[in-house]
Amino acid sequence: MLRTTAEFTRTSGPIAAHVATGILTESAVRELDAAYPGDDRFEKVVFSSPVKRFRLGSLWLSRDGKRLPAAERLPAVWSQLLDDLDGPEFTARLEEVTGLALAGLPRDTGLFTHAEGEFISLHHDEPEKALTVVLYFNRDWPADGGGHFEVRASHNPTTAPVRSLPPVAGTAVAFDSSVWHATSTVTTGRTLRAAVLEFWRDRPQR
């Protein structure tokens, strides 16, 4: 299901993210989109601190490759995707792309959503996090719908993004904790759908 050999390109600058398009087949995108959990399955999370703010829906599916109860209630197509995301082949590919040693690190895999008006403010991740991978499932996302993943050169919000990626189905973004990034506010009536894979050097308590 996951094209683990998909080519990743590096955004410009000394601190950069790695982007792959077409990492899911079109048939996989259709199946996953049709079987995406309803909004009522997600925990609504609103967070605000001096360094980060966000509003999103969250549904964790696996921890260190072991399925959580929420995953067992999803259609089989999601089990196939989790097998690929948590599998050694994709981990090895991410190591090749990023130069990071990821095998054996604690990991969490889940889904998240952004409804209209939701966002993630400009920030970089805590140093305990080794790598984050975001994978999008949004077919025919409107050009003016917001929800773009923004790679930034610094914490200065007035500078233009180094790259602004629409949340198009089959796009994956991999980035380490040094990368300044944000998700722009969703401005369409549609809900943004994505998966996240997190590798931890030292995982905090959830």
N, C-alpha and C. Protein backbone atom coordinates (compact mmCIF):
# COMPACT_ATOMS: atom_id res chain seq x y z
N MET A 1 0.82 -1.21 0.00
CA MET A 1 0.00 0.00 0.00
C MET A 1 0.86 1.26 0.00
N LEU A 2 1.87 1.29 0.88
CA LEU A 2 2.77 2.44 0.97
C LEU A 2 3.94 2.23 0.02
N ARG A 3 4.19 3.22 -0.82
CA ARG A 3 5.31 3.12 -1.75
C ARG A 3 6.59 3.53 -1.01
N THR A 4 7.21 2.57 -0.37
CA THR A 4 8.37 2.87 0.46
C THR A 4 9.58 3.31 -0.35
N THR A 5 9.55 3.09 -1.66
CA THR A 5 10.66 3.53 -2.50
C THR A 5 10.41 4.91 -3.11
N ALA A 6 9.32 5.56 -2.73
CA ALA A 6 9.02 6.89 -3.28
C ALA A 6 10.17 7.85 -3.02
N GLU A 7 10.42 8.72 -3.97
CA GLU A 7 11.51 9.68 -3.86
C GLU A 7 11.13 10.83 -2.92
N PHE A 8 12.02 11.15 -1.99
CA PHE A 8 11.87 12.31 -1.13
C PHE A 8 12.77 13.43 -1.63
N THR A 9 12.26 14.65 -1.67
CA THR A 9 13.08 15.81 -2.00
C THR A 9 13.26 16.66 -0.75
N ARG A 10 14.40 17.30 -0.66
CA ARG A 10 14.73 18.11 0.51
C ARG A 10 14.40 19.56 0.24
N THR A 11 13.71 20.20 1.19
CA THR A 11 13.45 21.63 1.03
C THR A 11 14.75 22.40 1.19
N SER A 12 14.78 23.64 0.70
CA SER A 12 16.02 24.42 0.71
C SER A 12 16.34 24.91 2.11
N GLY A 13 17.63 25.23 2.33
CA GLY A 13 18.05 25.77 3.60
C GLY A 13 18.81 24.75 4.42
N PRO A 14 19.58 25.22 5.41
CA PRO A 14 20.38 24.32 6.24
C PRO A 14 19.53 23.42 7.13
N ILE A 15 18.35 23.89 7.52
CA ILE A 15 17.41 23.09 8.29
C ILE A 15 16.22 22.82 7.39
N ALA A 16 15.98 21.56 7.07
CA ALA A 16 15.02 21.28 6.01
C ALA A 16 14.18 20.06 6.32
N ALA A 17 13.03 20.00 5.66
CA ALA A 17 12.16 18.83 5.70
C ALA A 17 12.33 18.03 4.41
N HIS A 18 11.84 16.81 4.44
CA HIS A 18 11.92 15.92 3.29
C HIS A 18 10.50 15.60 2.85
N VAL A 19 10.22 15.76 1.56
CA VAL A 19 8.85 15.68 1.05
C VAL A 19 8.78 14.61 -0.05
N ALA A 20 7.76 13.75 0.05
CA ALA A 20 7.47 12.77 -0.99
C ALA A 20 6.04 12.95 -1.47
N THR A 21 5.84 12.85 -2.76
CA THR A 21 4.49 12.87 -3.32
C THR A 21 4.21 11.51 -3.95
N GLY A 22 2.95 11.13 -4.02
CA GLY A 22 2.60 9.85 -4.60
C GLY A 22 3.07 8.67 -3.79
N ILE A 23 3.17 8.84 -2.46
CA ILE A 23 3.65 7.74 -1.62
C ILE A 23 2.55 6.70 -1.39
N LEU A 24 1.31 7.06 -1.71
CA LEU A 24 0.19 6.12 -1.71
C LEU A 24 -0.33 5.95 -3.13
N THR A 25 -0.73 4.75 -3.48
CA THR A 25 -1.37 4.54 -4.77
C THR A 25 -2.74 5.21 -4.78
N GLU A 26 -3.25 5.51 -5.96
CA GLU A 26 -4.56 6.15 -6.06
C GLU A 26 -5.65 5.25 -5.49
N SER A 27 -5.54 3.95 -5.71
CA SER A 27 -6.55 3.04 -5.16
C SER A 27 -6.49 3.03 -3.64
N ALA A 28 -5.28 3.09 -3.07
CA ALA A 28 -5.15 3.14 -1.61
C ALA A 28 -5.75 4.42 -1.06
N VAL A 29 -5.51 5.53 -1.74
CA VAL A 29 -6.09 6.81 -1.30
C VAL A 29 -7.61 6.72 -1.26
N ARG A 30 -8.20 6.15 -2.29
CA ARG A 30 -9.66 6.03 -2.33
C ARG A 30 -10.18 5.16 -1.18
N GLU A 31 -9.52 4.03 -0.94
CA GLU A 31 -9.95 3.13 0.13
C GLU A 31 -9.82 3.78 1.50
N LEU A 32 -8.71 4.43 1.74
CA LEU A 32 -8.48 5.05 3.04
C LEU A 32 -9.41 6.23 3.26
N ASP A 33 -9.65 6.99 2.21
CA ASP A 33 -10.56 8.12 2.32
C ASP A 33 -11.97 7.64 2.66
N ALA A 34 -12.41 6.57 2.00
CA ALA A 34 -13.75 6.05 2.23
C ALA A 34 -13.90 5.45 3.63
N ALA A 35 -12.79 4.95 4.19
CA ALA A 35 -12.84 4.28 5.49
C ALA A 35 -12.30 5.15 6.62
N TYR A 36 -12.08 6.44 6.36
CA TYR A 36 -11.52 7.31 7.40
C TYR A 36 -12.54 7.43 8.54
N PRO A 37 -12.09 7.34 9.79
CA PRO A 37 -13.04 7.39 10.92
C PRO A 37 -13.81 8.70 10.96
N GLY A 38 -15.03 8.63 11.48
CA GLY A 38 -15.85 9.83 11.63
C GLY A 38 -15.30 10.76 12.70
N ASP A 39 -15.70 12.01 12.64
CA ASP A 39 -15.19 13.02 13.57
C ASP A 39 -15.46 12.65 15.02
N ASP A 40 -16.54 11.89 15.28
CA ASP A 40 -16.89 11.55 16.65
C ASP A 40 -15.90 10.57 17.28
N ARG A 41 -15.03 9.96 16.48
CA ARG A 41 -14.03 9.03 17.01
C ARG A 41 -12.78 9.75 17.51
N PHE A 42 -12.64 11.01 17.18
CA PHE A 42 -11.42 11.75 17.51
C PHE A 42 -11.59 12.54 18.80
N GLU A 43 -10.52 12.59 19.58
CA GLU A 43 -10.47 13.46 20.75
C GLU A 43 -10.13 14.87 20.28
N LYS A 44 -10.95 15.83 20.64
CA LYS A 44 -10.67 17.22 20.26
C LYS A 44 -9.64 17.78 21.24
N VAL A 45 -8.53 18.30 20.70
CA VAL A 45 -7.43 18.79 21.52
C VAL A 45 -7.21 20.26 21.21
N VAL A 46 -7.24 21.08 22.25
CA VAL A 46 -6.94 22.51 22.14
C VAL A 46 -5.81 22.79 23.11
N PHE A 47 -4.70 23.32 22.60
CA PHE A 47 -3.51 23.53 23.43
C PHE A 47 -2.97 24.93 23.20
N SER A 48 -2.52 25.55 24.27
CA SER A 48 -1.91 26.89 24.15
C SER A 48 -0.82 27.04 25.19
N SER A 49 0.37 27.43 24.74
CA SER A 49 1.49 27.73 25.62
C SER A 49 2.27 28.88 25.01
N PRO A 50 3.26 29.42 25.71
CA PRO A 50 4.04 30.51 25.12
C PRO A 50 4.78 30.13 23.84
N VAL A 51 4.98 28.83 23.60
CA VAL A 51 5.78 28.42 22.43
C VAL A 51 4.97 27.71 21.35
N LYS A 52 3.73 27.32 21.66
CA LYS A 52 2.98 26.55 20.67
C LYS A 52 1.49 26.60 20.97
N ARG A 53 0.68 26.71 19.90
CA ARG A 53 -0.77 26.63 20.02
C ARG A 53 -1.32 25.74 18.91
N PHE A 54 -2.34 24.97 19.21
CA PHE A 54 -2.97 24.20 18.14
C PHE A 54 -4.38 23.78 18.53
N ARG A 55 -5.16 23.49 17.48
CA ARG A 55 -6.50 22.93 17.60
C ARG A 55 -6.61 21.79 16.58
N LEU A 56 -6.94 20.60 17.05
CA LEU A 56 -7.02 19.45 16.15
C LEU A 56 -7.81 18.33 16.79
N GLY A 57 -8.13 17.30 15.97
CA GLY A 57 -8.69 16.06 16.47
C GLY A 57 -7.62 14.98 16.43
N SER A 58 -7.58 14.11 17.45
CA SER A 58 -6.50 13.14 17.58
C SER A 58 -7.06 11.74 17.84
N LEU A 59 -6.48 10.73 17.18
CA LEU A 59 -6.86 9.33 17.38
C LEU A 59 -5.60 8.47 17.24
N TRP A 60 -5.04 8.03 18.38
CA TRP A 60 -3.82 7.22 18.35
C TRP A 60 -4.15 5.77 18.06
N LEU A 61 -3.36 5.14 17.18
CA LEU A 61 -3.67 3.80 16.69
C LEU A 61 -2.65 2.74 17.08
N SER A 62 -1.38 3.11 17.22
CA SER A 62 -0.38 2.11 17.61
C SER A 62 0.73 2.76 18.42
N ARG A 63 1.35 1.94 19.24
CA ARG A 63 2.45 2.38 20.10
C ARG A 63 3.54 1.32 20.01
N ASP A 64 4.70 1.72 19.53
CA ASP A 64 5.83 0.80 19.35
C ASP A 64 5.43 -0.40 18.49
N GLY A 65 4.59 -0.13 17.47
CA GLY A 65 4.18 -1.18 16.55
C GLY A 65 3.05 -2.06 17.04
N LYS A 66 2.57 -1.85 18.26
CA LYS A 66 1.48 -2.66 18.82
C LYS A 66 0.18 -1.87 18.71
N ARG A 67 -0.86 -2.53 18.21
CA ARG A 67 -2.14 -1.87 17.99
C ARG A 67 -2.79 -1.44 19.31
N LEU A 68 -3.35 -0.25 19.30
CA LEU A 68 -4.17 0.23 20.40
C LEU A 68 -5.64 -0.12 20.12
N PRO A 69 -6.51 -0.09 21.14
CA PRO A 69 -7.91 -0.49 20.93
C PRO A 69 -8.60 0.25 19.78
N ALA A 70 -8.29 1.53 19.59
CA ALA A 70 -8.93 2.29 18.52
C ALA A 70 -8.65 1.69 17.16
N ALA A 71 -7.46 1.13 16.97
CA ALA A 71 -7.10 0.54 15.67
C ALA A 71 -7.91 -0.71 15.38
N GLU A 72 -8.23 -1.46 16.42
CA GLU A 72 -8.96 -2.72 16.22
C GLU A 72 -10.38 -2.48 15.73
N ARG A 73 -10.88 -1.27 15.91
CA ARG A 73 -12.26 -0.97 15.50
C ARG A 73 -12.33 -0.36 14.10
N LEU A 74 -11.19 -0.26 13.42
CA LEU A 74 -11.16 0.33 12.08
C LEU A 74 -11.19 -0.76 11.01
N PRO A 75 -11.63 -0.43 9.79
CA PRO A 75 -11.61 -1.41 8.70
C PRO A 75 -10.20 -1.93 8.41
N ALA A 76 -10.13 -3.09 7.76
CA ALA A 76 -8.86 -3.78 7.54
C ALA A 76 -7.86 -2.95 6.76
N VAL A 77 -8.32 -2.04 5.91
CA VAL A 77 -7.40 -1.24 5.12
C VAL A 77 -6.46 -0.42 6.01
N TRP A 78 -6.94 -0.02 7.18
CA TRP A 78 -6.08 0.74 8.09
C TRP A 78 -5.02 -0.14 8.72
N SER A 79 -5.34 -1.40 8.96
CA SER A 79 -4.34 -2.32 9.47
C SER A 79 -3.21 -2.50 8.46
N GLN A 80 -3.56 -2.54 7.18
CA GLN A 80 -2.54 -2.64 6.13
C GLN A 80 -1.62 -1.43 6.14
N LEU A 81 -2.21 -0.23 6.28
CA LEU A 81 -1.38 0.98 6.29
C LEU A 81 -0.49 1.01 7.53
N LEU A 82 -1.04 0.64 8.69
CA LEU A 82 -0.24 0.63 9.91
C LEU A 82 0.91 -0.35 9.80
N ASP A 83 0.66 -1.51 9.19
CA ASP A 83 1.75 -2.47 8.98
C ASP A 83 2.88 -1.83 8.18
N ASP A 84 2.53 -1.06 7.16
CA ASP A 84 3.55 -0.41 6.33
C ASP A 84 4.25 0.72 7.08
N LEU A 85 3.47 1.58 7.75
CA LEU A 85 4.07 2.71 8.46
C LEU A 85 4.99 2.25 9.58
N ASP A 86 4.59 1.21 10.30
CA ASP A 86 5.37 0.72 11.43
C ASP A 86 6.41 -0.32 11.04
N GLY A 87 6.42 -0.71 9.77
CA GLY A 87 7.28 -1.80 9.33
C GLY A 87 8.73 -1.42 9.13
N PRO A 88 9.62 -2.41 9.13
CA PRO A 88 11.06 -2.15 9.01
C PRO A 88 11.47 -1.55 7.67
N GLU A 89 10.72 -1.86 6.60
CA GLU A 89 11.10 -1.34 5.28
C GLU A 89 10.95 0.18 5.23
N PHE A 90 9.84 0.70 5.76
CA PHE A 90 9.65 2.15 5.75
C PHE A 90 10.61 2.83 6.71
N THR A 91 10.86 2.21 7.87
CA THR A 91 11.83 2.77 8.81
C THR A 91 13.20 2.88 8.16
N ALA A 92 13.61 1.84 7.46
CA ALA A 92 14.91 1.86 6.77
C ALA A 92 14.95 2.95 5.71
N ARG A 93 13.84 3.14 5.01
CA ARG A 93 13.78 4.19 4.00
C ARG A 93 13.92 5.56 4.64
N LEU A 94 13.26 5.78 5.77
CA LEU A 94 13.37 7.06 6.46
C LEU A 94 14.79 7.29 6.97
N GLU A 95 15.44 6.24 7.44
CA GLU A 95 16.84 6.37 7.86
C GLU A 95 17.72 6.78 6.68
N GLU A 96 17.47 6.19 5.53
CA GLU A 96 18.25 6.52 4.33
C GLU A 96 18.04 7.98 3.94
N VAL A 97 16.80 8.44 4.01
CA VAL A 97 16.46 9.80 3.59
C VAL A 97 17.00 10.84 4.56
N THR A 98 16.87 10.59 5.86
CA THR A 98 17.19 11.60 6.87
C THR A 98 18.57 11.47 7.48
N GLY A 99 19.18 10.30 7.38
CA GLY A 99 20.46 10.08 8.03
C GLY A 99 20.36 9.82 9.52
N LEU A 100 19.15 9.62 10.02
CA LEU A 100 18.93 9.37 11.44
C LEU A 100 18.83 7.87 11.71
N ALA A 101 19.27 7.45 12.90
CA ALA A 101 19.11 6.07 13.34
C ALA A 101 17.76 5.94 14.05
N LEU A 102 16.80 5.28 13.41
CA LEU A 102 15.42 5.23 13.91
C LEU A 102 15.00 3.85 14.40
N ALA A 103 15.60 2.80 13.87
CA ALA A 103 15.19 1.44 14.25
C ALA A 103 15.35 1.26 15.76
N GLY A 104 14.32 0.73 16.39
CA GLY A 104 14.37 0.48 17.82
C GLY A 104 13.93 1.63 18.69
N LEU A 105 13.73 2.83 18.10
CA LEU A 105 13.25 3.96 18.90
C LEU A 105 11.77 3.79 19.23
N PRO A 106 11.33 4.31 20.39
CA PRO A 106 9.89 4.36 20.67
C PRO A 106 9.18 5.12 19.56
N ARG A 107 7.96 4.66 19.24
CA ARG A 107 7.22 5.32 18.16
C ARG A 107 5.73 5.31 18.48
N ASP A 108 5.05 6.32 17.98
CA ASP A 108 3.60 6.43 18.08
C ASP A 108 3.05 6.72 16.70
N THR A 109 1.93 6.07 16.36
CA THR A 109 1.29 6.27 15.06
C THR A 109 -0.19 6.54 15.28
N GLY A 110 -0.72 7.53 14.59
CA GLY A 110 -2.13 7.85 14.75
C GLY A 110 -2.66 8.68 13.61
N LEU A 111 -3.90 9.11 13.76
CA LEU A 111 -4.57 9.97 12.80
C LEU A 111 -4.88 11.30 13.46
N PHE A 112 -4.94 12.35 12.64
CA PHE A 112 -5.40 13.63 13.18
C PHE A 112 -6.21 14.37 12.12
N THR A 113 -7.02 15.30 12.59
CA THR A 113 -7.87 16.10 11.71
C THR A 113 -7.77 17.57 12.09
N HIS A 114 -8.03 18.42 11.12
CA HIS A 114 -8.24 19.85 11.36
C HIS A 114 -9.57 20.23 10.72
N ALA A 115 -10.52 20.68 11.53
CA ALA A 115 -11.77 21.22 11.01
C ALA A 115 -11.56 22.68 10.63
N GLU A 116 -12.57 23.27 10.03
CA GLU A 116 -12.47 24.68 9.64
C GLU A 116 -12.12 25.53 10.86
N GLY A 117 -11.14 26.42 10.69
CA GLY A 117 -10.70 27.29 11.77
C GLY A 117 -9.59 26.72 12.63
N GLU A 118 -9.21 25.45 12.40
CA GLU A 118 -8.17 24.83 13.22
C GLU A 118 -6.80 24.95 12.54
N PHE A 119 -5.73 24.80 13.33
CA PHE A 119 -4.38 25.15 12.87
C PHE A 119 -3.36 24.58 13.83
N ILE A 120 -2.07 24.72 13.48
CA ILE A 120 -0.94 24.52 14.39
C ILE A 120 -0.02 25.72 14.21
N SER A 121 0.31 26.39 15.30
CA SER A 121 1.12 27.61 15.20
C SER A 121 2.58 27.27 14.89
N LEU A 122 3.33 28.29 14.50
CA LEU A 122 4.74 28.15 14.18
C LEU A 122 5.53 27.70 15.41
N HIS A 123 6.32 26.63 15.26
CA HIS A 123 7.08 26.10 16.38
C HIS A 123 8.10 25.09 15.84
N HIS A 124 8.99 24.63 16.70
CA HIS A 124 9.72 23.41 16.39
C HIS A 124 9.50 22.42 17.53
N ASP A 125 9.68 21.14 17.25
CA ASP A 125 9.34 20.12 18.22
C ASP A 125 10.39 20.03 19.33
N GLU A 126 9.99 19.38 20.42
CA GLU A 126 10.90 19.18 21.54
C GLU A 126 12.08 18.31 21.11
N PRO A 127 13.28 18.51 21.70
CA PRO A 127 14.46 17.77 21.26
C PRO A 127 14.36 16.27 21.51
N GLU A 128 13.46 15.85 22.39
CA GLU A 128 13.28 14.42 22.65
C GLU A 128 12.69 13.68 21.45
N LYS A 129 12.08 14.41 20.53
CA LYS A 129 11.48 13.79 19.35
C LYS A 129 12.52 13.72 18.24
N ALA A 130 12.77 12.51 17.73
CA ALA A 130 13.78 12.33 16.69
C ALA A 130 13.26 12.72 15.31
N LEU A 131 12.04 12.28 14.99
CA LEU A 131 11.50 12.51 13.65
C LEU A 131 9.98 12.42 13.68
N THR A 132 9.35 13.26 12.87
CA THR A 132 7.91 13.21 12.66
C THR A 132 7.65 13.02 11.17
N VAL A 133 6.70 12.16 10.85
CA VAL A 133 6.25 11.98 9.47
C VAL A 133 4.76 12.24 9.42
N VAL A 134 4.33 13.14 8.54
CA VAL A 134 2.91 13.43 8.34
C VAL A 134 2.52 12.94 6.95
N LEU A 135 1.40 12.23 6.87
CA LEU A 135 0.91 11.68 5.61
C LEU A 135 -0.53 12.13 5.41
N TYR A 136 -0.81 12.72 4.25
CA TYR A 136 -2.13 13.32 3.99
C TYR A 136 -3.01 12.42 3.12
N PHE A 137 -4.35 12.55 3.33
CA PHE A 137 -5.33 11.72 2.62
C PHE A 137 -6.39 12.54 1.88
N ASN A 138 -6.15 13.81 1.63
CA ASN A 138 -7.20 14.71 1.15
C ASN A 138 -7.25 14.79 -0.38
N ARG A 139 -8.27 14.17 -0.96
CA ARG A 139 -8.45 14.21 -2.41
C ARG A 139 -9.13 15.51 -2.80
N ASP A 140 -8.66 16.11 -3.90
CA ASP A 140 -9.28 17.32 -4.45
C ASP A 140 -9.39 18.43 -3.41
N TRP A 141 -8.32 18.62 -2.64
CA TRP A 141 -8.32 19.68 -1.64
C TRP A 141 -8.33 21.04 -2.34
N PRO A 142 -9.23 21.97 -1.95
CA PRO A 142 -9.30 23.26 -2.64
C PRO A 142 -8.03 24.09 -2.46
N ALA A 143 -7.62 24.77 -3.51
CA ALA A 143 -6.38 25.56 -3.47
C ALA A 143 -6.42 26.63 -2.39
N ASP A 144 -7.60 27.16 -2.11
CA ASP A 144 -7.73 28.22 -1.11
C ASP A 144 -8.28 27.67 0.21
N GLY A 145 -8.11 26.37 0.44
CA GLY A 145 -8.70 25.74 1.63
C GLY A 145 -7.85 25.80 2.87
N GLY A 146 -6.63 26.39 2.78
CA GLY A 146 -5.76 26.43 3.95
C GLY A 146 -5.24 25.05 4.30
N GLY A 147 -4.78 24.90 5.55
CA GLY A 147 -4.26 23.62 6.00
C GLY A 147 -2.91 23.25 5.43
N HIS A 148 -2.18 24.23 4.91
CA HIS A 148 -0.87 23.95 4.31
C HIS A 148 0.18 23.69 5.38
N PHE A 149 1.04 22.72 5.11
CA PHE A 149 2.20 22.48 5.97
C PHE A 149 3.28 23.47 5.55
N GLU A 150 3.69 24.32 6.48
CA GLU A 150 4.65 25.38 6.17
C GLU A 150 5.99 25.09 6.82
N VAL A 151 7.04 25.03 6.02
CA VAL A 151 8.41 24.91 6.51
C VAL A 151 8.99 26.31 6.60
N ARG A 152 9.53 26.67 7.75
CA ARG A 152 10.02 28.03 7.98
C ARG A 152 11.52 28.02 8.27
N ALA A 153 12.17 29.14 7.96
CA ALA A 153 13.61 29.26 8.21
C ALA A 153 13.90 29.60 9.66
N SER A 154 12.93 30.20 10.37
CA SER A 154 13.15 30.62 11.75
C SER A 154 11.80 30.76 12.44
N HIS A 155 11.86 31.27 13.68
CA HIS A 155 10.63 31.47 14.45
C HIS A 155 9.92 32.77 14.08
N ASN A 156 10.47 33.54 13.14
CA ASN A 156 9.88 34.83 12.77
C ASN A 156 8.64 34.60 11.90
N PRO A 157 7.44 34.90 12.40
CA PRO A 157 6.23 34.61 11.64
C PRO A 157 6.00 35.55 10.47
N THR A 158 6.77 36.64 10.39
CA THR A 158 6.55 37.61 9.30
C THR A 158 7.28 37.22 8.02
N THR A 159 8.20 36.27 8.10
CA THR A 159 8.90 35.84 6.89
C THR A 159 8.08 34.79 6.16
N ALA A 160 8.21 34.77 4.84
CA ALA A 160 7.47 33.80 4.04
C ALA A 160 7.99 32.39 4.29
N PRO A 161 7.13 31.39 4.18
CA PRO A 161 7.59 30.01 4.33
C PRO A 161 8.64 29.65 3.28
N VAL A 162 9.60 28.83 3.67
CA VAL A 162 10.53 28.25 2.71
C VAL A 162 9.76 27.38 1.71
N ARG A 163 8.76 26.69 2.23
CA ARG A 163 7.88 25.89 1.37
C ARG A 163 6.52 25.77 2.04
N SER A 164 5.48 25.86 1.25
CA SER A 164 4.10 25.72 1.73
C SER A 164 3.44 24.60 0.95
N LEU A 165 3.13 23.51 1.64
CA LEU A 165 2.65 22.30 0.99
C LEU A 165 1.17 22.11 1.25
N PRO A 166 0.34 22.08 0.21
CA PRO A 166 -1.07 21.76 0.42
C PRO A 166 -1.21 20.31 0.89
N PRO A 167 -2.24 20.02 1.68
CA PRO A 167 -2.39 18.68 2.26
C PRO A 167 -2.98 17.67 1.28
N VAL A 168 -2.32 17.51 0.16
CA VAL A 168 -2.83 16.70 -0.95
C VAL A 168 -2.62 15.21 -0.65
N ALA A 169 -3.61 14.40 -1.00
CA ALA A 169 -3.54 12.96 -0.76
C ALA A 169 -2.27 12.36 -1.34
N GLY A 170 -1.60 11.52 -0.54
CA GLY A 170 -0.39 10.86 -0.99
C GLY A 170 0.88 11.63 -0.75
N THR A 171 0.79 12.83 -0.15
CA THR A 171 1.97 13.61 0.19
C THR A 171 2.43 13.26 1.60
N ALA A 172 3.74 13.05 1.77
CA ALA A 172 4.32 12.79 3.08
C ALA A 172 5.42 13.80 3.35
N VAL A 173 5.51 14.26 4.59
CA VAL A 173 6.54 15.20 5.01
C VAL A 173 7.25 14.60 6.22
N ALA A 174 8.58 14.50 6.16
CA ALA A 174 9.38 13.99 7.27
C ALA A 174 10.31 15.10 7.74
N PHE A 175 10.36 15.33 9.05
CA PHE A 175 11.17 16.43 9.58
C PHE A 175 11.59 16.13 11.01
N ASP A 176 12.79 16.62 11.36
CA ASP A 176 13.28 16.41 12.72
C ASP A 176 12.93 17.61 13.60
N SER A 177 13.37 17.56 14.85
CA SER A 177 12.92 18.56 15.83
C SER A 177 13.55 19.94 15.63
N SER A 178 14.50 20.06 14.71
CA SER A 178 15.12 21.36 14.45
C SER A 178 14.31 22.21 13.47
N VAL A 179 13.33 21.62 12.81
CA VAL A 179 12.61 22.29 11.72
C VAL A 179 11.48 23.15 12.27
N TRP A 180 11.53 24.45 11.97
CA TRP A 180 10.40 25.33 12.29
C TRP A 180 9.28 25.05 11.29
N HIS A 181 8.08 24.83 11.82
CA HIS A 181 6.97 24.47 10.94
C HIS A 181 5.64 24.90 11.55
N ALA A 182 4.62 24.92 10.70
CA ALA A 182 3.27 25.29 11.13
C ALA A 182 2.28 24.66 10.16
N THR A 183 1.02 24.61 10.57
CA THR A 183 -0.07 24.27 9.67
C THR A 183 -1.01 25.46 9.62
N SER A 184 -1.18 26.02 8.44
CA SER A 184 -2.03 27.21 8.31
C SER A 184 -3.49 26.86 8.61
N THR A 185 -4.24 27.87 9.01
CA THR A 185 -5.64 27.67 9.40
C THR A 185 -6.46 27.10 8.24
N VAL A 186 -7.23 26.07 8.53
CA VAL A 186 -8.14 25.50 7.53
C VAL A 186 -9.28 26.49 7.29
N THR A 187 -9.51 26.83 6.04
CA THR A 187 -10.51 27.85 5.70
C THR A 187 -11.66 27.30 4.88
N THR A 188 -11.63 26.01 4.59
CA THR A 188 -12.72 25.38 3.86
C THR A 188 -13.64 24.65 4.83
N GLY A 189 -14.83 24.34 4.38
CA GLY A 189 -15.76 23.59 5.22
C GLY A 189 -15.42 22.12 5.35
N ARG A 190 -14.44 21.64 4.59
CA ARG A 190 -14.00 20.26 4.69
C ARG A 190 -13.06 20.06 5.87
N THR A 191 -12.97 18.82 6.33
CA THR A 191 -12.04 18.47 7.39
C THR A 191 -10.76 17.91 6.79
N LEU A 192 -9.62 18.46 7.21
CA LEU A 192 -8.32 17.96 6.77
C LEU A 192 -8.05 16.62 7.46
N ARG A 193 -7.58 15.63 6.70
CA ARG A 193 -7.32 14.29 7.22
C ARG A 193 -5.86 13.92 7.01
N ALA A 194 -5.25 13.37 8.06
CA ALA A 194 -3.83 13.01 7.96
C ALA A 194 -3.49 11.92 8.97
N ALA A 195 -2.34 11.29 8.75
CA ALA A 195 -1.74 10.37 9.71
C ALA A 195 -0.42 10.96 10.18
N VAL A 196 0.01 10.55 11.37
CA VAL A 196 1.29 11.01 11.90
C VAL A 196 2.05 9.82 12.49
N LEU A 197 3.34 9.79 12.23
CA LEU A 197 4.25 8.79 12.78
C LEU A 197 5.35 9.55 13.50
N GLU A 198 5.51 9.27 14.80
CA GLU A 198 6.49 9.99 15.62
C GLU A 198 7.53 9.00 16.16
N PHE A 199 8.80 9.32 15.99
CA PHE A 199 9.90 8.57 16.59
C PHE A 199 10.48 9.40 17.73
N TRP A 200 10.71 8.74 18.88
CA TRP A 200 11.16 9.45 20.07
C TRP A 200 12.53 8.96 20.55
N ARG A 201 13.38 9.91 20.92
CA ARG A 201 14.60 9.55 21.65
C ARG A 201 14.24 9.25 23.10
N ASP A 202 13.35 10.06 23.64
CA ASP A 202 12.86 9.89 25.01
C ASP A 202 11.40 10.31 25.01
N ARG A 203 10.50 9.36 25.01
CA ARG A 203 9.08 9.66 24.84
C ARG A 203 8.46 10.18 26.14
N PRO A 204 7.76 11.31 26.07
CA PRO A 204 7.09 11.83 27.26
C PRO A 204 5.85 11.01 27.59
N GLN A 205 5.37 11.16 28.80
CA GLN A 205 4.12 10.52 29.19
C GLN A 205 2.95 11.21 28.52
N ARG A 206 2.01 10.44 27.98
CA ARG A 206 0.81 11.01 27.36
C ARG A 206 -0.36 10.87 28.33
